[in-house]
Amino acid sequence: MSRPFHFKQFSIRQDHAAMKVGTDAVLLGAWVSHSKAKNILDIGCGTGLLTLMMAQRFENSFITGIEIDPDAMLDAKYNIDNSEWGDRIQLINESISNYTLDSKVDLIITNPPFFPYDTLAPDQKRALARSGSGYSFIDWLRISSSLVEVNGKIAFILPIDYWQNIEKDVVELGFSIYRRCNVKPTPQKDVHRVMIELQQEECTSTIIEELTIENNKRHDYTSDYIALTHSFYLKML
């Protein structure tokens, strides 16, 4: 049994889920911005980390977390039940391809599987979490476009090279890139992640941001990274 990961206002048990707490999800959950989001959908919610981050940040929202892996759902349910926001969260153990909403949502957030299907991890559960059981990310976006309001947002984080390979396809689906944040591990290294907010309404320009996680040594975090994550990480005072 692994130790829970403690945040300032909630904890994440991750005994059963294949994918554990990681920097990518925390970055995305802290970065996404939609002040008028009333209904939020977390696709592939895993342990419920992003679901809980949304509940903490958007006090007037109702959040649905959907997860295909029943073992990960065990952790998510435990974490939600032991939080202060359980009355504003529902969990669905289902594939997003089989899920229908009573009404469209204002915000979809996902820390998506981005590993090509032919490079699956040996462990089956981890492979499922990483590959999305063969779905391409474009398939996910196509499904998501039918679930979000026209003036809503879809937010995600991807490796920069993966994003560069699919950016044209995303635009061809009819999305506008409303906001983009290039993430660098250190000042000397290249961008390795990109956070994206899409919308179906046309926008004339994209808001471009950049975030560097660490300075010149490990755990020497930049002021921007601290400012972004301090509401969540215990070590960020």
Protein backbone atom coordinates (compact mmCIF):
# COMPACT_ATOMS: atom_id res chain seq x y z
CA MET A 1 0.00 0.00 0.00
CA SER A 2 1.46 3.33 -1.08
CA ARG A 3 1.36 6.47 1.04
CA PRO A 4 -1.31 9.03 0.16
CA PHE A 5 -0.19 12.21 -1.58
CA HIS A 6 -1.24 15.09 0.62
CA PHE A 7 -2.22 18.46 -0.80
CA LYS A 8 -3.22 21.50 1.24
CA GLN A 9 -6.97 20.86 1.13
CA PHE A 10 -7.27 17.19 0.13
CA SER A 11 -5.32 13.94 -0.12
CA ILE A 12 -4.96 11.42 -2.93
CA ARG A 13 -4.90 7.72 -2.18
CA GLN A 14 -3.45 5.95 -5.21
CA ASP A 15 -3.18 2.28 -4.26
CA HIS A 16 -5.20 0.94 -7.19
CA ALA A 17 -4.78 3.45 -10.02
CA ALA A 18 -2.17 2.77 -12.68
CA MET A 19 -1.22 6.41 -13.11
CA LYS A 20 -0.05 8.17 -9.95
CA VAL A 21 0.03 11.85 -8.99
CA GLY A 22 2.31 13.72 -11.37
CA THR A 23 3.44 17.23 -12.20
CA ASP A 24 1.48 17.36 -15.47
CA ALA A 25 -1.94 17.01 -13.84
CA VAL A 26 -1.13 19.50 -11.08
CA LEU A 27 0.11 22.04 -13.60
CA LEU A 28 -3.01 21.70 -15.72
CA GLY A 29 -5.40 21.85 -12.79
CA ALA A 30 -3.75 24.97 -11.43
CA TRP A 31 -3.45 26.69 -14.84
CA VAL A 32 -6.84 26.21 -16.48
CA SER A 33 -9.00 29.32 -16.27
CA HIS A 34 -12.76 29.55 -16.71
CA SER A 35 -14.33 31.78 -14.08
CA LYS A 36 -17.89 31.08 -15.26
CA ALA A 37 -17.63 27.28 -15.35
CA LYS A 38 -20.69 25.80 -13.65
CA ASN A 39 -20.48 22.26 -15.01
CA ILE A 40 -17.07 20.62 -15.47
CA LEU A 41 -16.20 17.23 -16.94
CA ASP A 42 -12.90 15.51 -16.07
CA ILE A 43 -12.27 12.85 -18.71
CA GLY A 44 -10.11 9.96 -17.51
CA CYS A 45 -10.22 11.21 -13.93
CA GLY A 46 -8.00 8.43 -12.52
CA THR A 47 -7.54 9.03 -8.79
CA GLY A 48 -9.76 12.11 -8.92
CA LEU A 49 -6.90 14.59 -8.68
CA LEU A 50 -8.10 17.03 -11.35
CA THR A 51 -11.69 16.56 -10.22
CA LEU A 52 -10.74 17.70 -6.72
CA MET A 53 -8.59 20.55 -8.00
CA MET A 54 -11.58 21.82 -9.98
CA ALA A 55 -13.80 21.54 -6.91
CA GLN A 56 -11.30 23.53 -4.85
CA ARG A 57 -10.80 26.25 -7.46
CA PHE A 58 -14.33 26.69 -8.80
CA GLU A 59 -16.52 26.92 -5.72
CA ASN A 60 -19.85 27.19 -7.56
CA SER A 61 -19.26 24.34 -9.99
CA PHE A 62 -20.50 20.77 -10.24
CA ILE A 63 -17.87 18.30 -11.46
CA THR A 64 -18.27 14.93 -13.15
CA GLY A 65 -15.29 12.59 -13.26
CA ILE A 66 -15.42 9.76 -15.79
CA GLU A 67 -12.95 6.86 -15.68
CA ILE A 68 -12.91 3.56 -17.55
CA ASP A 69 -10.68 1.65 -15.09
CA PRO A 70 -12.70 0.23 -12.16
CA ASP A 71 -9.60 -0.03 -9.97
CA ALA A 72 -8.74 3.64 -10.46
CA MET A 73 -12.37 4.40 -9.66
CA LEU A 74 -11.88 2.78 -6.24
CA ASP A 75 -9.23 5.37 -5.44
CA ALA A 76 -11.25 8.22 -6.94
CA LYS A 77 -14.35 7.34 -4.91
CA TYR A 78 -12.31 7.09 -1.70
CA ASN A 79 -10.63 10.44 -2.37
CA ILE A 80 -13.88 12.21 -3.24
CA ASP A 81 -15.72 10.73 -0.23
CA ASN A 82 -12.94 11.95 2.06
CA SER A 83 -12.94 15.47 0.66
CA GLU A 84 -15.13 18.41 1.61
CA TRP A 85 -16.65 18.65 -1.88
CA GLY A 86 -18.36 15.29 -2.30
CA ASP A 87 -21.78 16.92 -2.68
CA ARG A 88 -20.59 18.71 -5.84
CA ILE A 89 -18.94 15.71 -7.51
CA GLN A 90 -20.22 12.63 -9.28
CA LEU A 91 -18.10 9.77 -10.59
CA ILE A 92 -18.92 7.63 -13.62
CA ASN A 93 -17.15 4.30 -14.27
CA GLU A 94 -17.52 4.25 -18.05
CA SER A 95 -15.75 4.89 -21.34
CA ILE A 96 -16.22 8.42 -22.63
CA SER A 97 -17.30 6.93 -25.97
CA ASN A 98 -20.33 5.36 -24.25
CA TYR A 99 -21.24 8.33 -22.07
CA THR A 100 -24.04 10.78 -22.77
CA LEU A 101 -24.75 14.01 -20.88
CA ASP A 102 -28.14 15.41 -19.92
CA SER A 103 -26.77 18.84 -20.82
CA LYS A 104 -23.51 20.17 -22.19
CA VAL A 105 -20.71 21.34 -19.89
CA ASP A 106 -18.80 24.61 -19.69
CA LEU A 107 -15.36 23.07 -19.25
CA ILE A 108 -13.76 19.75 -20.14
CA ILE A 109 -10.39 19.03 -18.59
CA THR A 110 -8.19 16.01 -19.21
CA ASN A 111 -4.66 14.85 -18.58
CA PRO A 112 -4.86 12.57 -21.59
CA PRO A 113 -3.03 9.40 -22.54
CA PHE A 114 -0.50 10.48 -25.14
CA PHE A 115 1.66 7.43 -25.78
CA PRO A 116 1.28 5.86 -29.23
CA TYR A 117 -0.58 2.56 -29.11
CA ASP A 118 2.43 0.59 -30.35
CA THR A 119 4.56 1.66 -27.36
CA LEU A 120 2.25 0.41 -24.61
CA ALA A 121 3.62 -0.19 -21.15
CA PRO A 122 3.99 -3.89 -20.24
CA ASP A 123 1.49 -3.68 -17.38
CA GLN A 124 -2.04 -3.88 -18.78
CA LYS A 125 -3.62 -1.33 -16.47
CA ARG A 126 -0.85 1.18 -17.01
CA ALA A 127 -1.08 0.52 -20.74
CA LEU A 128 -4.80 1.26 -20.67
CA ALA A 129 -4.28 4.48 -18.75
CA ARG A 130 -1.47 5.58 -21.06
CA SER A 131 -2.98 4.62 -24.40
CA GLY A 132 -6.69 5.20 -23.91
CA SER A 133 -7.33 1.67 -25.17
CA GLY A 134 -6.38 2.60 -28.70
CA TYR A 135 -8.25 5.91 -29.00
CA SER A 136 -6.31 8.68 -30.62
CA PHE A 137 -6.39 12.07 -28.98
CA ILE A 138 -8.22 13.43 -32.01
CA ASP A 139 -10.95 10.82 -31.37
CA TRP A 140 -11.21 12.15 -27.80
CA LEU A 141 -11.51 15.72 -29.04
CA ARG A 142 -14.16 14.78 -31.55
CA ILE A 143 -16.22 13.21 -28.77
CA SER A 144 -15.54 16.15 -26.45
CA SER A 145 -16.75 18.66 -29.04
CA SER A 146 -20.25 17.21 -28.73
CA LEU A 147 -20.20 17.47 -24.92
CA VAL A 148 -19.06 21.08 -24.40
CA GLU A 149 -20.97 24.32 -24.91
CA VAL A 150 -20.00 26.37 -27.96
CA ASN A 151 -18.59 29.06 -25.67
CA GLY A 152 -17.02 26.46 -23.36
CA LYS A 153 -13.41 25.36 -23.08
CA ILE A 154 -11.48 22.10 -23.46
CA ALA A 155 -8.18 22.07 -21.56
CA PHE A 156 -5.35 19.51 -21.65
CA ILE A 157 -1.59 19.04 -21.39
CA LEU A 158 0.57 17.19 -23.93
CA PRO A 159 4.23 16.66 -24.82
CA ILE A 160 5.28 19.42 -27.20
CA ASP A 161 6.21 17.05 -30.03
CA TYR A 162 2.86 15.28 -29.79
CA TRP A 163 1.03 18.61 -29.93
CA GLN A 164 3.02 19.73 -32.96
CA ASN A 165 1.97 16.56 -34.77
CA ILE A 166 -1.75 17.05 -34.12
CA GLU A 167 -2.16 20.84 -34.01
CA LYS A 168 -3.25 21.06 -37.64
CA ASP A 169 -5.79 18.26 -37.12
CA VAL A 170 -7.20 20.05 -34.07
CA VAL A 171 -7.76 23.24 -36.06
CA GLU A 172 -9.33 21.25 -38.89
CA LEU A 173 -11.86 19.87 -36.38
CA GLY A 174 -13.11 23.44 -35.98
CA PHE A 175 -11.40 24.40 -32.74
CA SER A 176 -9.71 27.72 -32.00
CA ILE A 177 -6.65 27.74 -29.75
CA TYR A 178 -7.73 30.25 -27.13
CA ARG A 179 -4.77 29.91 -24.76
CA ARG A 180 -1.42 28.13 -24.79
CA CYS A 181 1.33 27.76 -22.18
CA ASN A 182 4.75 26.41 -23.13
CA VAL A 183 6.34 24.57 -20.18
CA LYS A 184 10.10 24.21 -19.71
CA PRO A 185 11.71 22.07 -16.99
CA THR A 186 14.61 24.56 -16.55
CA PRO A 187 15.72 27.78 -18.29
CA GLN A 188 18.41 25.89 -20.24
CA LYS A 189 16.12 23.15 -21.54
CA ASP A 190 13.65 23.24 -24.40
CA VAL A 191 9.89 23.30 -24.00
CA HIS A 192 8.76 19.76 -23.16
CA ARG A 193 5.05 20.20 -22.38
CA VAL A 194 2.30 22.45 -23.66
CA MET A 195 -0.98 23.31 -21.96
CA ILE A 196 -3.84 24.18 -24.27
CA GLU A 197 -7.30 25.68 -23.93
CA LEU A 198 -9.52 25.17 -26.97
CA GLN A 199 -12.89 26.65 -27.83
CA GLN A 200 -15.30 26.20 -30.71
CA GLU A 201 -16.01 29.92 -30.95
CA GLU A 202 -13.58 31.65 -33.29
CA CYS A 203 -10.92 33.79 -31.62
CA THR A 204 -8.75 36.32 -33.40
CA SER A 205 -5.54 35.49 -31.53
CA THR A 206 -4.08 33.00 -29.07
CA ILE A 207 -2.93 33.98 -25.60
CA ILE A 208 0.67 32.70 -25.38
CA GLU A 209 2.30 32.06 -22.01
CA GLU A 210 5.50 30.38 -20.82
CA LEU A 211 6.29 28.64 -17.56
CA THR A 212 9.63 27.33 -16.29
CA ILE A 213 9.41 24.83 -13.42
CA GLU A 214 12.88 24.89 -11.82
CA ASN A 215 15.83 27.23 -11.81
CA ASN A 216 19.34 25.78 -12.09
CA LYS A 217 19.07 23.02 -9.51
CA ARG A 218 16.56 20.37 -8.53
CA HIS A 219 13.68 21.53 -6.30
CA ASP A 220 14.76 25.17 -6.72
CA TYR A 221 11.40 26.21 -8.10
CA THR A 222 10.80 29.38 -10.06
CA SER A 223 8.61 32.10 -8.62
CA ASP A 224 6.09 31.57 -11.45
CA TYR A 225 5.78 27.86 -10.68
CA ILE A 226 5.36 28.56 -6.96
CA ALA A 227 2.72 31.20 -7.65
CA LEU A 228 0.80 28.80 -9.89
CA THR A 229 0.83 25.77 -7.55
CA HIS A 230 1.03 27.24 -4.05
CA SER A 231 -2.69 26.70 -3.39
CA PHE A 232 -2.15 22.96 -3.72
CA TYR A 233 1.36 21.77 -2.84
CA LEU A 234 2.17 21.62 0.86
CA LYS A 235 5.78 22.62 0.15
CA MET A 236 4.74 25.80 -1.67
CA LEU A 237 4.24 28.31 1.15
